[in-house]
């Protein structure tokens, strides 16, 4: 079974002085790191945990829908 492919926002956050990776389709699923690569690796772990817990609790798994405005049709 193929895992859904969710959009990940990656950005520098000045107040915390770290990189943030956020998954808009998965409410409250985000991670941070000292480098973009670290933030992306951490959000992969967070997404896996988010999906496992949602599945275990019988919650609906959202389909990937988010697209940044510049890619929206």
N, C-alpha and C. Protein backbone atom coordinates (compact mmCIF):
# COMPACT_ATOMS: atom_id res chain seq x y z
N UNK A 1 0.83 -1.18 0.00
CA UNK A 1 0.00 0.00 0.00
C UNK A 1 0.89 1.25 0.00
N UNK A 2 0.56 2.19 -0.86
CA UNK A 2 1.35 3.41 -0.97
C UNK A 2 0.87 4.45 0.04
N UNK A 3 1.78 5.11 0.70
CA UNK A 3 1.42 6.17 1.64
C UNK A 3 1.01 7.41 0.88
N UNK A 4 0.01 8.16 1.42
CA UNK A 4 -0.36 9.42 0.77
C UNK A 4 0.83 10.37 0.73
N UNK A 5 0.86 11.20 -0.27
CA UNK A 5 1.95 12.17 -0.42
C UNK A 5 1.40 13.55 -0.08
N UNK A 6 1.78 14.03 1.08
CA UNK A 6 1.30 15.30 1.57
C UNK A 6 2.30 16.42 1.28
N UNK A 7 1.75 17.60 1.01
CA UNK A 7 2.58 18.79 0.82
C UNK A 7 3.24 19.14 2.16
N UNK A 8 4.49 19.55 2.11
CA UNK A 8 5.22 20.00 3.31
C UNK A 8 5.70 21.42 3.06
N UNK A 9 5.30 22.32 3.95
CA UNK A 9 5.84 23.68 3.94
C UNK A 9 7.14 23.66 4.74
N UNK A 10 8.18 24.27 4.21
CA UNK A 10 9.46 24.33 4.90
C UNK A 10 9.90 25.78 4.91
N UNK A 11 10.18 26.32 6.10
CA UNK A 11 10.55 27.73 6.21
C UNK A 11 11.38 27.99 7.45
N UNK A 12 12.14 29.07 7.39
CA UNK A 12 12.94 29.54 8.51
C UNK A 12 12.03 30.35 9.42
N UNK A 13 12.11 30.12 10.73
CA UNK A 13 11.30 30.84 11.72
C UNK A 13 12.22 31.65 12.61
N UNK A 14 12.29 32.97 12.37
CA UNK A 14 13.19 33.85 13.11
C UNK A 14 13.03 33.80 14.62
N UNK A 15 11.80 33.89 15.17
CA UNK A 15 11.67 33.92 16.63
C UNK A 15 12.30 32.70 17.33
N UNK A 16 12.19 31.52 16.70
CA UNK A 16 12.76 30.32 17.31
C UNK A 16 14.13 29.96 16.75
N UNK A 17 14.57 30.70 15.73
CA UNK A 17 15.87 30.46 15.10
C UNK A 17 16.05 29.00 14.69
N UNK A 18 15.05 28.50 13.94
CA UNK A 18 15.13 27.13 13.45
C UNK A 18 14.28 26.99 12.19
N UNK A 19 14.47 25.89 11.51
CA UNK A 19 13.67 25.55 10.34
C UNK A 19 12.41 24.82 10.80
N UNK A 20 11.28 25.14 10.18
CA UNK A 20 10.00 24.51 10.49
C UNK A 20 9.52 23.76 9.25
N UNK A 21 9.04 22.55 9.47
CA UNK A 21 8.39 21.77 8.43
C UNK A 21 6.96 21.52 8.91
N UNK A 22 5.98 21.91 8.11
CA UNK A 22 4.59 21.83 8.48
C UNK A 22 3.81 21.08 7.40
N UNK A 23 2.85 20.24 7.82
CA UNK A 23 2.02 19.48 6.88
C UNK A 23 0.59 20.03 6.98
N UNK A 24 0.19 20.93 6.08
CA UNK A 24 -1.11 21.59 6.20
C UNK A 24 -2.31 20.64 6.21
N UNK A 25 -2.23 19.52 5.50
CA UNK A 25 -3.36 18.59 5.46
C UNK A 25 -3.54 17.80 6.75
N UNK A 26 -2.50 17.74 7.58
CA UNK A 26 -2.58 16.99 8.83
C UNK A 26 -2.53 17.99 9.99
N UNK A 27 -3.69 18.30 10.54
CA UNK A 27 -3.80 19.34 11.56
C UNK A 27 -2.79 19.12 12.68
N UNK A 28 -2.05 20.15 12.98
CA UNK A 28 -1.03 20.22 14.04
C UNK A 28 0.17 19.31 13.80
N UNK A 29 0.41 18.87 12.58
CA UNK A 29 1.56 18.03 12.30
C UNK A 29 2.70 18.89 11.77
N UNK A 30 3.71 19.08 12.60
CA UNK A 30 4.86 19.88 12.21
C UNK A 30 6.08 19.42 13.00
N UNK A 31 7.23 19.91 12.59
CA UNK A 31 8.48 19.58 13.28
C UNK A 31 9.47 20.71 13.00
N UNK A 32 10.57 20.68 13.71
CA UNK A 32 11.59 21.72 13.51
C UNK A 32 12.98 21.07 13.53
N UNK A 33 13.96 21.85 13.07
CA UNK A 33 15.34 21.38 13.07
C UNK A 33 16.30 22.52 12.83
N UNK A 34 17.56 22.27 13.08
CA UNK A 34 18.61 23.28 12.87
C UNK A 34 18.93 23.48 11.40
N UNK A 35 18.59 22.49 10.58
CA UNK A 35 18.81 22.58 9.14
C UNK A 35 17.51 22.19 8.43
N UNK A 36 17.36 22.58 7.16
CA UNK A 36 16.16 22.15 6.44
C UNK A 36 16.04 20.63 6.38
N UNK A 37 17.17 19.97 6.19
CA UNK A 37 17.16 18.51 6.10
C UNK A 37 16.69 17.87 7.41
N UNK A 38 17.14 18.43 8.51
CA UNK A 38 16.74 17.90 9.81
C UNK A 38 15.24 18.12 10.05
N UNK A 39 14.72 19.28 9.70
CA UNK A 39 13.29 19.55 9.86
C UNK A 39 12.47 18.59 9.00
N UNK A 40 12.91 18.35 7.77
CA UNK A 40 12.19 17.42 6.89
C UNK A 40 12.23 15.99 7.43
N UNK A 41 13.37 15.57 7.94
CA UNK A 41 13.47 14.22 8.51
C UNK A 41 12.55 14.09 9.72
N UNK A 42 12.52 15.11 10.56
CA UNK A 42 11.68 15.08 11.76
C UNK A 42 10.19 15.09 11.40
N UNK A 43 9.81 15.84 10.37
CA UNK A 43 8.39 15.87 10.02
C UNK A 43 7.96 14.55 9.40
N UNK A 44 8.87 13.82 8.76
CA UNK A 44 8.53 12.49 8.25
C UNK A 44 8.15 11.57 9.42
N UNK A 45 8.90 11.65 10.51
CA UNK A 45 8.61 10.87 11.72
C UNK A 45 7.26 11.30 12.30
N UNK A 46 7.04 12.62 12.36
CA UNK A 46 5.79 13.16 12.91
C UNK A 46 4.59 12.71 12.07
N UNK A 47 4.73 12.74 10.74
CA UNK A 47 3.64 12.31 9.86
C UNK A 47 3.31 10.83 10.08
N UNK A 48 4.33 10.01 10.17
CA UNK A 48 4.11 8.58 10.39
C UNK A 48 3.36 8.36 11.70
N UNK A 49 3.77 9.04 12.76
CA UNK A 49 3.08 8.93 14.04
C UNK A 49 1.65 9.44 13.97
N UNK A 50 1.47 10.57 13.30
CA UNK A 50 0.13 11.15 13.15
C UNK A 50 -0.81 10.16 12.47
N UNK A 51 -0.35 9.59 11.36
CA UNK A 51 -1.17 8.66 10.59
C UNK A 51 -1.44 7.37 11.37
N UNK A 52 -0.46 6.86 12.08
CA UNK A 52 -0.65 5.64 12.87
C UNK A 52 -1.68 5.86 13.97
N UNK A 53 -1.56 6.96 14.69
CA UNK A 53 -2.50 7.23 15.79
C UNK A 53 -3.91 7.47 15.25
N UNK A 54 -4.03 8.24 14.17
CA UNK A 54 -5.35 8.47 13.58
C UNK A 54 -5.99 7.15 13.17
N UNK A 55 -5.21 6.28 12.56
CA UNK A 55 -5.69 4.97 12.15
C UNK A 55 -6.10 4.14 13.36
N UNK A 56 -5.26 4.09 14.38
CA UNK A 56 -5.55 3.30 15.59
C UNK A 56 -6.83 3.78 16.28
N UNK A 57 -7.09 5.08 16.21
CA UNK A 57 -8.26 5.64 16.90
C UNK A 57 -9.49 5.68 15.99
N UNK A 58 -9.35 5.22 14.77
CA UNK A 58 -10.48 5.17 13.86
C UNK A 58 -10.84 6.49 13.22
N UNK A 59 -9.91 7.45 13.24
CA UNK A 59 -10.16 8.75 12.63
C UNK A 59 -9.93 8.65 11.12
N UNK A 60 -10.66 9.47 10.39
CA UNK A 60 -10.48 9.51 8.94
C UNK A 60 -9.10 10.05 8.60
N UNK A 61 -8.46 9.44 7.64
CA UNK A 61 -7.16 9.90 7.16
C UNK A 61 -7.44 10.86 5.99
N UNK A 62 -7.06 12.13 6.13
CA UNK A 62 -7.35 13.08 5.06
C UNK A 62 -6.55 12.78 3.79
N UNK A 63 -7.21 13.01 2.66
CA UNK A 63 -6.52 12.89 1.38
C UNK A 63 -5.64 14.13 1.20
N UNK A 64 -4.50 13.97 0.54
CA UNK A 64 -3.67 15.14 0.25
C UNK A 64 -4.43 16.10 -0.66
N UNK A 65 -4.66 17.32 -0.18
CA UNK A 65 -5.40 18.30 -0.97
C UNK A 65 -4.71 19.65 -1.04
N UNK A 66 -3.93 19.98 -0.03
CA UNK A 66 -3.34 21.30 0.05
C UNK A 66 -2.37 21.53 -1.11
N UNK A 67 -2.48 22.70 -1.73
CA UNK A 67 -1.53 23.14 -2.74
C UNK A 67 -1.26 24.61 -2.51
N UNK A 68 -0.03 25.02 -2.51
CA UNK A 68 0.26 26.45 -2.37
C UNK A 68 -0.47 27.21 -3.48
N UNK A 69 -0.81 28.44 -3.22
CA UNK A 69 -1.57 29.26 -4.17
C UNK A 69 -0.92 29.29 -5.55
N UNK A 70 0.41 29.32 -5.60
CA UNK A 70 1.06 29.40 -6.90
C UNK A 70 0.89 28.13 -7.73
N UNK A 71 0.50 27.00 -7.10
CA UNK A 71 0.27 25.75 -7.82
C UNK A 71 -1.20 25.41 -7.94
N UNK A 72 -2.07 26.14 -7.27
CA UNK A 72 -3.50 25.85 -7.32
C UNK A 72 -4.06 26.13 -8.71
N UNK A 73 -4.95 25.28 -9.13
CA UNK A 73 -5.57 25.46 -10.45
C UNK A 73 -6.85 26.23 -10.34
